[in-house]
Structure formats: structure tokens, C-alpha cells
């Protein structure tokens, strides 16, 4: 095994899946400002995950909808504007003939 290849800040960290609430303790050098009290009574850094094996459809066999940034709403708004513009163009074309 090579010496001095791991970062100095490699430490125990709690990872929490925000969609399912599943938490697990592992070692990581991920930077975070949040902390959480673990089952052993000690406080560890907390890294929030958007998806993990507890909520990913590949592992659960269920389709789960996760929209943390409002991307679907933004897409639907753009789609509605596009449809309105297409309808307006089509009606303008019909009137012009």
C-alpha cells in the first residue's frame, strides 16, 4: 500500500438520505458545517445526500420522484410558454391566408 496518499482529514462522517431519512456512518474527507449526534452518543459531521441506496429506484424497485431544485416546475413553465407561442404563430398564419 502506498504511503501518504490519503488526505489528512479522513474521519468518520454520518451520511443522511434526505428523501428517505436513512443514515449511515462511514469514513470520508467530505467538507461540511453540519453535525449530528449518532447512536453511540458522539457528535459527527453530517453530509446530506439527495439519493442513496435506500431511495434509488435501482435498489428499491420503486419509482420515487425527487425534485429538490424545482426543475420540473421550471420545465413545465417553459413548455407552456412554448405551446402558447406555437398556437399564436399557427393562428397568425391562418389569419394571414
PDB file of N, CA and C in Angstrom:
ATOM      1  N   UNK A   1       0.844  -1.176   0.000  1.00  0.00           N
ATOM      2  CA  UNK A   1       0.000   0.000   0.000  1.00  0.00           C
ATOM      3  C   UNK A   1       0.891   1.241   0.000  1.00  0.00           C
ATOM      4  N   UNK A   2       0.541   2.225  -0.808  1.00  0.00           N
ATOM      5  CA  UNK A   2       1.348   3.444  -0.895  1.00  0.00           C
ATOM      6  C   UNK A   2       1.162   4.307   0.350  1.00  0.00           C
ATOM      7  N   UNK A   3       2.238   4.955   0.773  1.00  0.00           N
ATOM      8  CA  UNK A   3       2.192   5.866   1.908  1.00  0.00           C
ATOM      9  C   UNK A   3       1.798   7.261   1.456  1.00  0.00           C
ATOM     10  N   UNK A   4       1.158   8.004   2.347  1.00  0.00           N
ATOM     11  CA  UNK A   4       0.818   9.422   2.157  1.00  0.00           C
ATOM     12  C   UNK A   4      -0.069   9.687   0.941  1.00  0.00           C
ATOM     13  N   UNK A   5      -1.018   8.800   0.652  1.00  0.00           N
ATOM     14  CA  UNK A   5      -1.927   9.070  -0.466  1.00  0.00           C
ATOM     15  C   UNK A   5      -3.323   9.480   0.008  1.00  0.00           C
ATOM     16  N   UNK A   6      -3.621   9.249   1.292  1.00  0.00           N
ATOM     17  CA  UNK A   6      -4.934   9.631   1.819  1.00  0.00           C
ATOM     18  C   UNK A   6      -4.870  11.026   2.429  1.00  0.00           C
ATOM     19  N   UNK A   7      -5.955  11.788   2.308  1.00  0.00           N
ATOM     20  CA  UNK A   7      -5.971  13.122   2.913  1.00  0.00           C
ATOM     21  C   UNK A   7      -5.876  13.047   4.438  1.00  0.00           C
ATOM     22  N   UNK A   8      -5.411  14.117   5.034  1.00  0.00           N
ATOM     23  CA  UNK A   8      -5.256  14.182   6.489  1.00  0.00           C
ATOM     24  C   UNK A   8      -6.611  14.231   7.197  1.00  0.00           C
ATOM     25  N   UNK A   9      -7.638  14.785   6.551  1.00  0.00           N
ATOM     26  CA  UNK A   9      -8.933  14.992   7.193  1.00  0.00           C
ATOM     27  C   UNK A   9      -9.884  13.807   7.030  1.00  0.00           C
ATOM     28  N   UNK A  10      -9.364  12.630   6.753  1.00  0.00           N
ATOM     29  CA  UNK A  10     -10.164  11.415   6.599  1.00  0.00           C
ATOM     30  C   UNK A  10     -10.671  11.011   7.980  1.00  0.00           C
ATOM     31  N   UNK A  11     -12.009  11.080   8.179  1.00  0.00           N
ATOM     32  CA  UNK A  11     -12.580  10.898   9.503  1.00  0.00           C
ATOM     33  C   UNK A  11     -13.964  10.256   9.403  1.00  0.00           C
ATOM     34  N   UNK A  12     -14.531   9.801  10.527  1.00  0.00           N
ATOM     35  CA  UNK A  12     -15.893   9.263  10.491  1.00  0.00           C
ATOM     36  C   UNK A  12     -16.902  10.380  10.193  1.00  0.00           C
ATOM     37  N   UNK A  13     -17.860  10.103   9.310  1.00  0.00           N
ATOM     38  CA  UNK A  13     -18.874  11.072   8.897  1.00  0.00           C
ATOM     39  C   UNK A  13     -20.209  10.346   8.793  1.00  0.00           C
ATOM     40  N   UNK A  14     -21.292  11.017   9.178  1.00  0.00           N
ATOM     41  CA  UNK A  14     -22.634  10.459   9.029  1.00  0.00           C
ATOM     42  C   UNK A  14     -23.217  10.987   7.721  1.00  0.00           C
ATOM     43  N   UNK A  15     -23.717  10.078   6.898  1.00  0.00           N
ATOM     44  CA  UNK A  15     -24.396  10.436   5.658  1.00  0.00           C
ATOM     45  C   UNK A  15     -25.888  10.223   5.857  1.00  0.00           C
ATOM     46  N   UNK A  16     -26.706  11.200   5.442  1.00  0.00           N
ATOM     47  CA  UNK A  16     -28.158  11.100   5.620  1.00  0.00           C
ATOM     48  C   UNK A  16     -28.853  11.322   4.285  1.00  0.00           C
ATOM     49  N   UNK A  17     -29.687  10.358   3.898  1.00  0.00           N
ATOM     50  CA  UNK A  17     -30.501  10.475   2.692  1.00  0.00           C
ATOM     51  C   UNK A  17     -31.701  11.347   3.032  1.00  0.00           C
ATOM     52  N   UNK A  18     -31.810  12.517   2.405  1.00  0.00           N
ATOM     53  CA  UNK A  18     -32.872  13.462   2.744  1.00  0.00           C
ATOM     54  C   UNK A  18     -34.247  13.008   2.272  1.00  0.00           C
ATOM     55  N   UNK A  19     -34.316  12.112   1.292  1.00  0.00           N
ATOM     56  CA  UNK A  19     -35.620  11.666   0.805  1.00  0.00           C
ATOM     57  C   UNK A  19     -36.208  10.531   1.640  1.00  0.00           C
ATOM     58  N   UNK A  20     -35.356   9.658   2.184  1.00  0.00           N
ATOM     59  CA  UNK A  20     -35.872   8.514   2.947  1.00  0.00           C
ATOM     60  C   UNK A  20     -35.554   8.589   4.436  1.00  0.00           C
ATOM     61  N   UNK A  21     -34.628   9.455   4.829  1.00  0.00           N
ATOM     62  CA  UNK A  21     -34.241   9.558   6.229  1.00  0.00           C
ATOM     63  C   UNK A  21     -33.209   8.523   6.648  1.00  0.00           C
ATOM     64  N   UNK A  22     -32.748   7.683   5.734  1.00  0.00           N
ATOM     65  CA  UNK A  22     -31.760   6.642   6.012  1.00  0.00           C
ATOM     66  C   UNK A  22     -30.414   7.285   6.328  1.00  0.00           C
ATOM     67  N   UNK A  23     -29.778   6.865   7.415  1.00  0.00           N
ATOM     68  CA  UNK A  23     -28.464   7.393   7.795  1.00  0.00           C
ATOM     69  C   UNK A  23     -27.474   6.243   7.980  1.00  0.00           C
ATOM     70  N   UNK A  24     -26.213   6.531   7.695  1.00  0.00           N
ATOM     71  CA  UNK A  24     -25.166   5.545   7.929  1.00  0.00           C
ATOM     72  C   UNK A  24     -23.864   6.271   8.232  1.00  0.00           C
ATOM     73  N   UNK A  25     -23.029   5.598   9.016  1.00  0.00           N
ATOM     74  CA  UNK A  25     -21.741   6.138   9.437  1.00  0.00           C
ATOM     75  C   UNK A  25     -20.647   5.497   8.595  1.00  0.00           C
ATOM     76  N   UNK A  26     -19.800   6.336   8.007  1.00  0.00           N
ATOM     77  CA  UNK A  26     -18.699   5.858   7.185  1.00  0.00           C
ATOM     78  C   UNK A  26     -17.527   6.820   7.356  1.00  0.00           C
ATOM     79  N   UNK A  27     -16.434   6.530   6.699  1.00  0.00           N
ATOM     80  CA  UNK A  27     -15.278   7.427   6.751  1.00  0.00           C
ATOM     81  C   UNK A  27     -15.227   8.230   5.454  1.00  0.00           C
ATOM     82  N   UNK A  28     -14.907   9.521   5.583  1.00  0.00           N
ATOM     83  CA  UNK A  28     -14.878  10.393   4.419  1.00  0.00           C
ATOM     84  C   UNK A  28     -14.039  11.626   4.732  1.00  0.00           C
ATOM     85  N   UNK A  29     -13.665  12.339   3.677  1.00  0.00           N
ATOM     86  CA  UNK A  29     -12.996  13.626   3.846  1.00  0.00           C
ATOM     87  C   UNK A  29     -13.876  14.741   3.292  1.00  0.00           C
ATOM     88  N   UNK A  30     -15.182  14.460   3.105  1.00  0.00           N
ATOM     89  CA  UNK A  30     -16.121  15.460   2.612  1.00  0.00           C
ATOM     90  C   UNK A  30     -16.229  16.602   3.620  1.00  0.00           C
ATOM     91  N   UNK A  31     -16.241  17.823   3.109  1.00  0.00           N
ATOM     92  CA  UNK A  31     -16.327  19.001   3.980  1.00  0.00           C
ATOM     93  C   UNK A  31     -17.792  19.323   4.251  1.00  0.00           C
ATOM     94  N   UNK A  32     -18.083  19.659   5.499  1.00  0.00           N
ATOM     95  CA  UNK A  32     -19.440  20.012   5.887  1.00  0.00           C
ATOM     96  C   UNK A  32     -19.402  20.871   7.146  1.00  0.00           C
ATOM     97  N   UNK A  33     -20.440  21.680   7.318  1.00  0.00           N
ATOM     98  CA  UNK A  33     -20.540  22.513   8.514  1.00  0.00           C
ATOM     99  C   UNK A  33     -21.580  21.968   9.486  1.00  0.00           C
ATOM    100  N   UNK A  34     -22.395  21.019   9.043  1.00  0.00           N
ATOM    101  CA  UNK A  34     -23.441  20.454   9.880  1.00  0.00           C
ATOM    102  C   UNK A  34     -22.900  19.296  10.706  1.00  0.00           C
ATOM    103  N   UNK A  35     -23.508  19.072  11.866  1.00  0.00           N
ATOM    104  CA  UNK A  35     -23.155  17.927  12.705  1.00  0.00           C
ATOM    105  C   UNK A  35     -24.432  17.242  13.164  1.00  0.00           C
ATOM    106  N   UNK A  36     -24.291  15.997  13.614  1.00  0.00           N
ATOM    107  CA  UNK A  36     -25.425  15.220  14.103  1.00  0.00           C
ATOM    108  C   UNK A  36     -24.934  14.295  15.209  1.00  0.00           C
ATOM    109  N   UNK A  37     -25.813  14.033  16.183  1.00  0.00           N
ATOM    110  CA  UNK A  37     -25.485  13.098  17.255  1.00  0.00           C
ATOM    111  C   UNK A  37     -25.847  11.699  16.775  1.00  0.00           C
ATOM    112  N   UNK A  38     -24.887  10.792  16.801  1.00  0.00           N
ATOM    113  CA  UNK A  38     -25.071   9.427  16.299  1.00  0.00           C
ATOM    114  C   UNK A  38     -25.554   8.518  17.425  1.00  0.00           C
ATOM    115  N   UNK A  39     -25.876   7.296  17.098  1.00  0.00           N
ATOM    116  CA  UNK A  39     -26.425   6.321  18.039  1.00  0.00           C
ATOM    117  C   UNK A  39     -25.504   6.027  19.216  1.00  0.00           C
ATOM    118  N   UNK A  40     -24.200   6.203  19.027  1.00  0.00           N
ATOM    119  CA  UNK A  40     -23.249   5.931  20.098  1.00  0.00           C
ATOM    120  C   UNK A  40     -23.080   7.110  21.052  1.00  0.00           C
ATOM    121  N   UNK A  41     -23.833   8.194  20.821  1.00  0.00           N
ATOM    122  CA  UNK A  41     -23.787   9.363  21.688  1.00  0.00           C
ATOM    123  C   UNK A  41     -22.761  10.404  21.280  1.00  0.00           C
ATOM    124  N   UNK A  42     -21.910  10.103  20.319  1.00  0.00           N
ATOM    125  CA  UNK A  42     -20.911  11.066  19.864  1.00  0.00           C
ATOM    126  C   UNK A  42     -21.476  11.928  18.738  1.00  0.00           C
ATOM    127  N   UNK A  43     -20.890  13.096  18.567  1.00  0.00           N
ATOM    128  CA  UNK A  43     -21.314  14.008  17.509  1.00  0.00           C
ATOM    129  C   UNK A  43     -20.348  13.882  16.328  1.00  0.00           C
ATOM    130  N   UNK A  44     -20.921  13.734  15.112  1.00  0.00           N
ATOM    131  CA  UNK A  44     -20.134  13.555  13.897  1.00  0.00           C
ATOM    132  C   UNK A  44     -20.556  14.590  12.855  1.00  0.00           C
ATOM    133  N   UNK A  45     -19.681  14.901  11.900  1.00  0.00           N
ATOM    134  CA  UNK A  45     -20.070  15.765  10.776  1.00  0.00           C
ATOM    135  C   UNK A  45     -21.181  15.074   9.976  1.00  0.00           C
ATOM    136  N   UNK A  46     -22.089  15.864   9.423  1.00  0.00           N
ATOM    137  CA  UNK A  46     -23.227  15.341   8.665  1.00  0.00           C
ATOM    138  C   UNK A  46     -23.137  15.784   7.210  1.00  0.00           C
ATOM    139  N   UNK A  47     -23.281  14.818   6.295  1.00  0.00           N
ATOM    140  CA  UNK A  47     -23.335  15.108   4.862  1.00  0.00           C
ATOM    141  C   UNK A  47     -24.716  14.690   4.375  1.00  0.00           C
ATOM    142  N   UNK A  48     -25.478  15.641   3.825  1.00  0.00           N
ATOM    143  CA  UNK A  48     -26.820  15.357   3.324  1.00  0.00           C
ATOM    144  C   UNK A  48     -26.727  14.854   1.886  1.00  0.00           C
ATOM    145  N   UNK A  49     -27.410  13.742   1.619  1.00  0.00           N
ATOM    146  CA  UNK A  49     -27.432  13.148   0.284  1.00  0.00           C
ATOM    147  C   UNK A  49     -28.821  13.316  -0.321  1.00  0.00           C
ATOM    148  N   UNK A  50     -28.883  13.570  -1.603  1.00  0.00           N
ATOM    149  CA  UNK A  50     -30.167  13.648  -2.288  1.00  0.00           C
ATOM    150  C   UNK A  50     -30.733  12.279  -2.589  1.00  0.00           C
ATOM    151  N   UNK A  51     -29.861  11.309  -2.760  1.00  0.00           N
ATOM    152  CA  UNK A  51     -30.303   9.950  -3.082  1.00  0.00           C
ATOM    153  C   UNK A  51     -29.238   8.964  -2.613  1.00  0.00           C
ATOM    154  N   UNK A  52     -29.683   7.822  -2.152  1.00  0.00           N
ATOM    155  CA  UNK A  52     -28.768   6.758  -1.715  1.00  0.00           C
ATOM    156  C   UNK A  52     -29.378   5.417  -2.097  1.00  0.00           C
ATOM    157  N   UNK A  53     -28.771   4.334  -1.644  1.00  0.00           N
ATOM    158  CA  UNK A  53     -29.309   3.013  -1.960  1.00  0.00           C
ATOM    159  C   UNK A  53     -30.682   2.800  -1.330  1.00  0.00           C
ATOM    160  N   UNK A  54     -31.018   3.565  -0.303  1.00  0.00           N
ATOM    161  CA  UNK A  54     -32.318   3.429   0.350  1.00  0.00           C
ATOM    162  C   UNK A  54     -33.441   4.070  -0.454  1.00  0.00           C
ATOM    163  N   UNK A  55     -33.108   4.990  -1.382  1.00  0.00           N
ATOM    164  CA  UNK A  55     -34.159   5.663  -2.145  1.00  0.00           C
ATOM    165  C   UNK A  55     -33.987   5.547  -3.659  1.00  0.00           C
ATOM    166  N   UNK A  56     -32.888   4.972  -4.118  1.00  0.00           N
ATOM    167  CA  UNK A  56     -32.651   4.864  -5.559  1.00  0.00           C
ATOM    168  C   UNK A  56     -33.516   3.749  -6.149  1.00  0.00           C
ATOM    169  N   UNK A  57     -34.233   4.016  -7.258  1.00  0.00           N
ATOM    170  CA  UNK A  57     -35.134   3.014  -7.839  1.00  0.00           C
ATOM    171  C   UNK A  57     -34.448   1.703  -8.215  1.00  0.00           C
ATOM    172  N   UNK A  58     -33.184   1.736  -8.570  1.00  0.00           N
ATOM    173  CA  UNK A  58     -32.468   0.505  -8.922  1.00  0.00           C
ATOM    174  C   UNK A  58     -32.426  -0.459  -7.738  1.00  0.00           C
ATOM    175  N   UNK A  59     -32.209   0.072  -6.546  1.00  0.00           N
ATOM    176  CA  UNK A  59     -32.099  -0.763  -5.354  1.00  0.00           C
ATOM    177  C   UNK A  59     -33.446  -1.051  -4.705  1.00  0.00           C
ATOM    178  N   UNK A  60     -34.384  -0.118  -4.791  1.00  0.00           N
ATOM    179  CA  UNK A  60     -35.670  -0.296  -4.128  1.00  0.00           C
ATOM    180  C   UNK A  60     -36.698  -0.985  -5.011  1.00  0.00           C
ATOM    181  N   UNK A  61     -36.536  -0.884  -6.328  1.00  0.00           N
ATOM    182  CA  UNK A  61     -37.514  -1.462  -7.240  1.00  0.00           C
ATOM    183  C   UNK A  61     -38.744  -0.592  -7.394  1.00  0.00           C
ATOM    184  N   UNK A  62     -38.742   0.576  -6.814  1.00  0.00           N
ATOM    185  CA  UNK A  62     -39.876   1.503  -6.897  1.00  0.00           C
ATOM    186  C   UNK A  62     -39.416   2.804  -7.526  1.00  0.00           C
ATOM    187  N   UNK A  63     -40.302   3.398  -8.293  1.00  0.00           N
ATOM    188  CA  UNK A  63     -40.003   4.708  -8.857  1.00  0.00           C
ATOM    189  C   UNK A  63     -40.333   5.753  -7.801  1.00  0.00           C
ATOM    190  N   UNK A  64     -39.369   6.592  -7.441  1.00  0.00           N
ATOM    191  CA  UNK A  64     -39.568   7.622  -6.430  1.00  0.00           C
ATOM    192  C   UNK A  64     -39.234   8.968  -7.059  1.00  0.00           C
ATOM    193  N   UNK A  65     -40.129   9.925  -6.964  1.00  0.00           N
ATOM    194  CA  UNK A  65     -39.935  11.232  -7.566  1.00  0.00           C
ATOM    195  C   UNK A  65     -39.188  12.145  -6.605  1.00  0.00           C
ATOM    196  N   UNK A  66     -38.041  12.668  -7.044  1.00  0.00           N
ATOM    197  CA  UNK A  66     -37.243  13.570  -6.234  1.00  0.00           C
ATOM    198  C   UNK A  66     -37.005  14.836  -7.050  1.00  0.00           C
ATOM    199  N   UNK A  67     -37.526  15.950  -6.573  1.00  0.00           N
ATOM    200  CA  UNK A  67     -37.324  17.231  -7.249  1.00  0.00           C
ATOM    201  C   UNK A  67     -36.881  18.245  -6.209  1.00  0.00           C
ATOM    202  N   UNK A  68     -35.588  18.322  -5.989  1.00  0.00           N
ATOM    203  CA  UNK A  68     -35.072  19.181  -4.938  1.00  0.00           C
ATOM    204  C   UNK A  68     -34.848  20.616  -5.396  1.00  0.00           C
ATOM    205  N   UNK A  69     -34.755  20.844  -6.688  1.00  0.00           N
ATOM    206  CA  UNK A  69     -34.423  22.185  -7.162  1.00  0.00           C
ATOM    207  C   UNK A  69     -35.559  22.827  -7.956  1.00  0.00           C
ATOM    208  N   UNK A  70     -36.735  22.216  -8.025  1.00  0.00           N
ATOM    209  CA  UNK A  70     -37.852  22.791  -8.770  1.00  0.00           C
ATOM    210  C   UNK A  70     -37.659  22.710 -10.271  1.00  0.00           C
ATOM    211  N   UNK A  71     -36.863  21.773 -10.746  1.00  0.00           N
ATOM    212  CA  UNK A  71     -36.559  21.673 -12.169  1.00  0.00           C
ATOM    213  C   UNK A  71     -37.795  21.312 -12.985  1.00  0.00           C
ATOM    214  N   UNK A  72     -38.648  20.457 -12.427  1.00  0.00           N
ATOM    215  CA  UNK A  72     -39.837  20.032 -13.156  1.00  0.00           C
ATOM    216  C   UNK A  72     -40.772  21.212 -13.361  1.00  0.00           C
ATOM    217  N   UNK A  73     -40.963  22.020 -12.328  1.00  0.00           N
ATOM    218  CA  UNK A  73     -41.825  23.201 -12.452  1.00  0.00           C
ATOM    219  C   UNK A  73     -41.288  24.171 -13.500  1.00  0.00           C
ATOM    220  N   UNK A  74     -39.992  24.387 -13.495  1.00  0.00           N
ATOM    221  CA  UNK A  74     -39.388  25.285 -14.484  1.00  0.00           C
ATOM    222  C   UNK A  74     -39.593  24.743 -15.894  1.00  0.00           C
ATOM    223  N   UNK A  75     -39.425  23.428 -16.062  1.00  0.00           N
ATOM    224  CA  UNK A  75     -39.631  22.818 -17.371  1.00  0.00           C
ATOM    225  C   UNK A  75     -41.076  22.972 -17.818  1.00  0.00           C
ATOM    226  N   UNK A  76     -42.025  22.725 -16.923  1.00  0.00           N
ATOM    227  CA  UNK A  76     -43.441  22.834 -17.281  1.00  0.00           C
ATOM    228  C   UNK A  76     -43.806  24.272 -17.656  1.00  0.00           C
ATOM    229  N   UNK A  77     -43.230  25.256 -16.993  1.00  0.00           N
ATOM    230  CA  UNK A  77     -43.478  26.654 -17.340  1.00  0.00           C
ATOM    231  C   UNK A  77     -42.935  26.973 -18.729  1.00  0.00           C
ATOM    232  N   UNK A  78     -41.724  26.507 -19.029  1.00  0.00           N
ATOM    233  CA  UNK A  78     -41.155  26.737 -20.358  1.00  0.00           C
ATOM    234  C   UNK A  78     -41.981  26.040 -21.430  1.00  0.00           C
ATOM    235  N   UNK A  79     -42.447  24.827 -21.142  1.00  0.00           N
ATOM    236  CA  UNK A  79     -43.264  24.081 -22.087  1.00  0.00           C
ATOM    237  C   UNK A  79     -44.579  24.812 -22.370  1.00  0.00           C
ATOM    238  N   UNK A  80     -45.208  25.355 -21.337  1.00  0.00           N
ATOM    239  CA  UNK A  80     -46.464  26.093 -21.521  1.00  0.00           C
ATOM    240  C   UNK A  80     -46.241  27.334 -22.379  1.00  0.00           C
ATOM    241  N   UNK A  81     -45.147  28.053 -22.148  1.00  0.00           N
ATOM    242  CA  UNK A  81     -44.839  29.236 -22.953  1.00  0.00           C
ATOM    243  C   UNK A  81     -44.602  28.857 -24.411  1.00  0.00           C
ATOM    244  N   UNK A  82     -43.911  27.753 -24.628  1.00  0.00           N
ATOM    245  CA  UNK A  82     -43.642  27.290 -25.992  1.00  0.00           C
ATOM    246  C   UNK A  82     -44.939  26.920 -26.700  1.00  0.00           C
ATOM    247  N   UNK A  83     -45.826  26.220 -26.005  1.00  0.00           N
ATOM    248  CA  UNK A  83     -47.110  25.847 -26.607  1.00  0.00           C
ATOM    249  C   UNK A  83     -47.932  27.078 -26.956  1.00  0.00           C
ATOM    250  N   UNK A  84     -47.948  28.071 -26.073  1.00  0.00           N
ATOM    251  CA  UNK A  84     -48.677  29.313 -26.347  1.00  0.00           C
ATOM    252  C   UNK A  84     -48.104  30.003 -27.578  1.00  0.00           C
ATOM    253  N   UNK A  85     -46.791  30.061 -27.673  1.00  0.00           N
ATOM    254  CA  UNK A  85     -46.154  30.712 -28.813  1.00  0.00           C
ATOM    255  C   UNK A  85     -46.461  29.958 -30.103  1.00  0.00           C
ATOM    256  N   UNK A  86     -46.476  28.639 -30.064  1.00  0.00           N
ATOM    257  CA  UNK A  86     -46.792  27.847 -31.253  1.00  0.00           C
ATOM    258  C   UNK A  86     -48.243  28.052 -31.678  1.00  0.00           C
ATOM    259  N   UNK A  87     -49.164  28.083 -30.708  1.00  0.00           N
ATOM    260  CA  UNK A  87     -50.573  28.310 -31.026  1.00  0.00           C
ATOM    261  C   UNK A  87     -50.780  29.702 -31.610  1.00  0.00           C
ATOM    262  N   UNK A  88     -50.108  30.676 -31.046  1.00  0.00           N
ATOM    263  CA  UNK A  88     -50.220  32.052 -31.533  1.00  0.00           C
ATOM    264  C   UNK A  88     -49.690  32.150 -32.970  1.00  0.00           C
ATOM    265  N   UNK A  89     -48.560  31.492 -33.238  1.00  0.00           N
ATOM    266  CA  UNK A  89     -47.987  31.509 -34.581  1.00  0.00           C
ATOM    267  C   UNK A  89     -48.908  30.805 -35.580  1.00  0.00           C
ATOM    268  N   UNK A  90     -49.517  29.702 -35.150  1.00  0.00           N
ATOM    269  CA  UNK A  90     -50.414  28.963 -36.038  1.00  0.00           C
ATOM    270  C   UNK A  90     -51.667  29.781 -36.343  1.00  0.00           C
ATOM    271  N   UNK A  91     -52.228  30.467 -35.343  1.00  0.00           N
ATOM    272  CA  UNK A  91     -53.424  31.274 -35.589  1.00  0.00           C
ATOM    273  C   UNK A  91     -53.075  32.495 -36.446  1.00  0.00           C
ATOM    274  N   UNK A  92     -51.902  33.052 -36.269  1.00  0.00           N
ATOM    275  CA  UNK A  92     -51.479  34.197 -37.081  1.00  0.00           C
ATOM    276  C   UNK A  92     -51.307  33.747 -38.535  1.00  0.00           C
ATOM    277  N   UNK A  93     -50.773  32.565 -38.739  1.00  0.00           N
ATOM    278  CA  UNK A  93     -50.573  32.029 -40.086  1.00  0.00           C
ATOM    279  C   UNK A  93     -51.916  31.807 -40.783  1.00  0.00           C
ATOM    280  N   UNK A  94     -52.902  31.297 -40.038  1.00  0.00           N
ATOM    281  CA  UNK A  94     -54.232  31.050 -40.589  1.00  0.00           C
ATOM    282  C   UNK A  94     -54.903  32.357 -40.995  1.00  0.00           C
ATOM    283  N   UNK A  95     -54.764  33.390 -40.167  1.00  0.00           N
ATOM    284  CA  UNK A  95     -55.372  34.687 -40.483  1.00  0.00           C
ATOM    285  C   UNK A  95     -54.718  35.331 -41.683  1.00  0.00           C
ATOM    286  N   UNK A  96     -53.447  35.092 -41.856  1.00  0.00           N
ATOM    287  CA  UNK A  96     -52.706  35.714 -42.946  1.00  0.00           C
ATOM    288  C   UNK A  96     -53.138  35.156 -44.292  1.00  0.00           C
ATOM    289  N   UNK A  97     -53.581  33.917 -44.363  1.00  0.00           N
ATOM    290  CA  UNK A  97     -54.001  33.287 -45.607  1.00  0.00           C
ATOM    291  C   UNK A  97     -55.316  33.782 -46.004  1.00  0.00           C
TER     292      UNK A  97
END
